[in-house]
Amino acid sequence: MSASSHSPLTTHVLDTSLGLPAKGLTLHLARLEESSKNWKELTTGYTNADGRCPDLLSPEQFTAGTYKVHFETGTYWQQIEKTSFYPYVEIVFTIEDPNQKYHIPLLLSPFSYTTYRGS
């Protein structure tokens, strides 16, 4: 990923079954193109040792609109040799003010997940 170290959009994934960050989880960030109603992939990233993917977009790339983060959870569970129910998790959200900071946390277990807008 090539983005500013001051990204207005961050994420953090915690593996609640282990009580640890979910290291090495692949994610894809896309924006909905209003004119065509198609998703345009903006970047692919991987969570670090702390379960974070802090530099998703630079402030210049971040505009108002609808975004989607696609977390490759099935692959993550396979890597740590666990069975899971969800092959992926997609979180769709709307940005109204791109001057604010947005944080998308994901609390993950093999058979459930939850998210919220963090700060």
Protein backbone atom coordinates (compact mmCIF):
# COMPACT_ATOMS: atom_id res chain seq x y z
CA MET A 1 0.00 0.00 0.00
CA SER A 2 1.28 3.40 -0.75
CA ALA A 3 -0.49 5.87 1.47
CA SER A 4 0.30 8.63 3.89
CA SER A 5 1.19 7.65 7.45
CA HIS A 6 -1.70 9.90 8.54
CA SER A 7 -4.50 7.97 6.89
CA PRO A 8 -7.98 9.21 7.78
CA LEU A 9 -9.17 5.57 7.55
CA THR A 10 -7.76 2.80 9.75
CA THR A 11 -8.77 -0.68 10.86
CA HIS A 12 -7.89 -3.06 13.66
CA VAL A 13 -8.76 -6.77 13.74
CA LEU A 14 -8.79 -8.76 16.98
CA ASP A 15 -9.11 -12.53 17.11
CA THR A 16 -11.35 -12.94 20.15
CA SER A 17 -10.94 -16.73 20.13
CA LEU A 18 -7.25 -16.28 20.93
CA GLY A 19 -7.45 -12.92 22.67
CA LEU A 20 -4.81 -11.64 20.22
CA PRO A 21 -4.51 -9.36 17.20
CA ALA A 22 -5.30 -11.05 13.87
CA LYS A 23 -1.91 -10.83 12.17
CA GLY A 24 -1.59 -11.26 8.40
CA LEU A 25 -5.27 -10.94 7.53
CA THR A 26 -5.77 -9.69 3.95
CA LEU A 27 -8.27 -6.93 3.29
CA HIS A 28 -9.46 -5.02 0.24
CA LEU A 29 -10.83 -1.50 0.27
CA ALA A 30 -13.24 -0.35 -2.46
CA ARG A 31 -15.38 2.72 -3.17
CA LEU A 32 -18.79 2.66 -4.82
CA GLU A 33 -18.74 4.58 -8.10
CA GLU A 34 -22.02 6.52 -8.01
CA SER A 35 -22.36 6.82 -11.80
CA SER A 36 -22.01 3.10 -12.57
CA LYS A 37 -22.97 1.60 -9.16
CA ASN A 38 -19.86 -0.60 -9.44
CA TRP A 39 -17.23 -1.09 -6.74
CA LYS A 40 -13.76 0.22 -7.58
CA GLU A 41 -10.98 -1.42 -5.61
CA LEU A 42 -8.68 1.21 -4.13
CA THR A 43 -6.11 -0.86 -2.25
CA THR A 44 -5.22 -4.20 -0.73
CA GLY A 45 -3.59 -4.45 2.67
CA TYR A 46 -2.51 -6.88 5.37
CA THR A 47 -2.85 -6.53 9.10
CA ASN A 48 0.42 -6.12 10.95
CA ALA A 49 1.56 -7.90 14.13
CA ASP A 50 -0.78 -5.64 16.13
CA GLY A 51 -3.77 -6.54 13.89
CA ARG A 52 -3.78 -3.05 12.39
CA CYS A 53 -3.73 -1.80 8.84
CA PRO A 54 -3.15 1.88 9.57
CA ASP A 55 -2.29 3.34 6.14
CA LEU A 56 -5.22 2.46 3.93
CA LEU A 57 -5.59 5.77 2.08
CA SER A 58 -3.91 9.13 1.96
CA PRO A 59 -6.04 12.17 2.84
CA GLU A 60 -6.00 13.12 -0.86
CA GLN A 61 -7.55 9.77 -1.84
CA PHE A 62 -10.26 9.96 0.82
CA THR A 63 -13.46 11.55 -0.45
CA ALA A 64 -17.12 11.50 0.55
CA GLY A 65 -18.93 8.37 -0.60
CA THR A 66 -19.73 4.76 0.14
CA TYR A 67 -16.84 2.39 0.91
CA LYS A 68 -16.46 -1.32 1.53
CA VAL A 69 -13.77 -3.21 3.44
CA HIS A 70 -13.60 -6.88 2.47
CA PHE A 71 -11.76 -8.96 5.09
CA GLU A 72 -10.47 -12.38 3.91
CA THR A 73 -11.41 -14.17 7.14
CA GLY A 74 -11.57 -17.68 5.68
CA THR A 75 -7.95 -17.52 4.58
CA TYR A 76 -6.93 -16.16 7.98
CA TRP A 77 -8.59 -19.09 9.79
CA GLN A 78 -7.03 -21.60 7.39
CA GLN A 79 -3.58 -20.14 8.08
CA ILE A 80 -3.97 -20.77 11.80
CA GLU A 81 -5.60 -24.17 11.18
CA LYS A 82 -9.08 -23.36 12.46
CA THR A 83 -12.46 -24.01 10.90
CA SER A 84 -14.77 -21.04 10.43
CA PHE A 85 -18.27 -20.25 9.23
CA TYR A 86 -17.64 -16.97 7.38
CA PRO A 87 -15.29 -17.10 4.36
CA TYR A 88 -15.15 -13.30 4.36
CA VAL A 89 -16.61 -10.29 6.13
CA GLU A 90 -17.64 -7.15 4.27
CA ILE A 91 -18.30 -3.90 6.04
CA VAL A 92 -19.98 -1.18 3.98
CA PHE A 93 -20.03 2.37 5.34
CA THR A 94 -20.68 5.94 4.22
CA ILE A 95 -18.26 8.83 4.59
CA GLU A 96 -19.97 12.20 4.74
CA ASP A 97 -17.08 14.32 6.01
CA PRO A 98 -13.69 13.19 4.66
CA ASN A 99 -11.96 15.64 7.01
CA GLN A 100 -12.81 13.40 9.98
CA LYS A 101 -10.89 10.28 11.03
CA TYR A 102 -12.68 6.95 10.61
CA HIS A 103 -11.70 3.69 12.31
CA ILE A 104 -13.26 0.34 11.38
CA PRO A 105 -12.50 -2.30 14.05
CA LEU A 106 -13.40 -5.96 13.57
CA LEU A 107 -13.76 -8.37 16.50
CA LEU A 108 -13.50 -11.83 15.00
CA SER A 109 -14.06 -15.43 16.04
CA PRO A 110 -14.53 -18.51 13.85
CA PHE A 111 -18.34 -18.36 14.16
CA SER A 112 -19.12 -14.69 14.79
CA TYR A 113 -17.93 -11.14 14.25
CA THR A 114 -18.84 -7.64 15.28
CA THR A 115 -17.82 -4.14 14.30
CA TYR A 116 -18.54 -0.51 15.13
CA ARG A 117 -17.30 2.93 14.19
CA GLY A 118 -14.25 3.57 16.31
CA SER A 119 -12.25 6.70 16.85
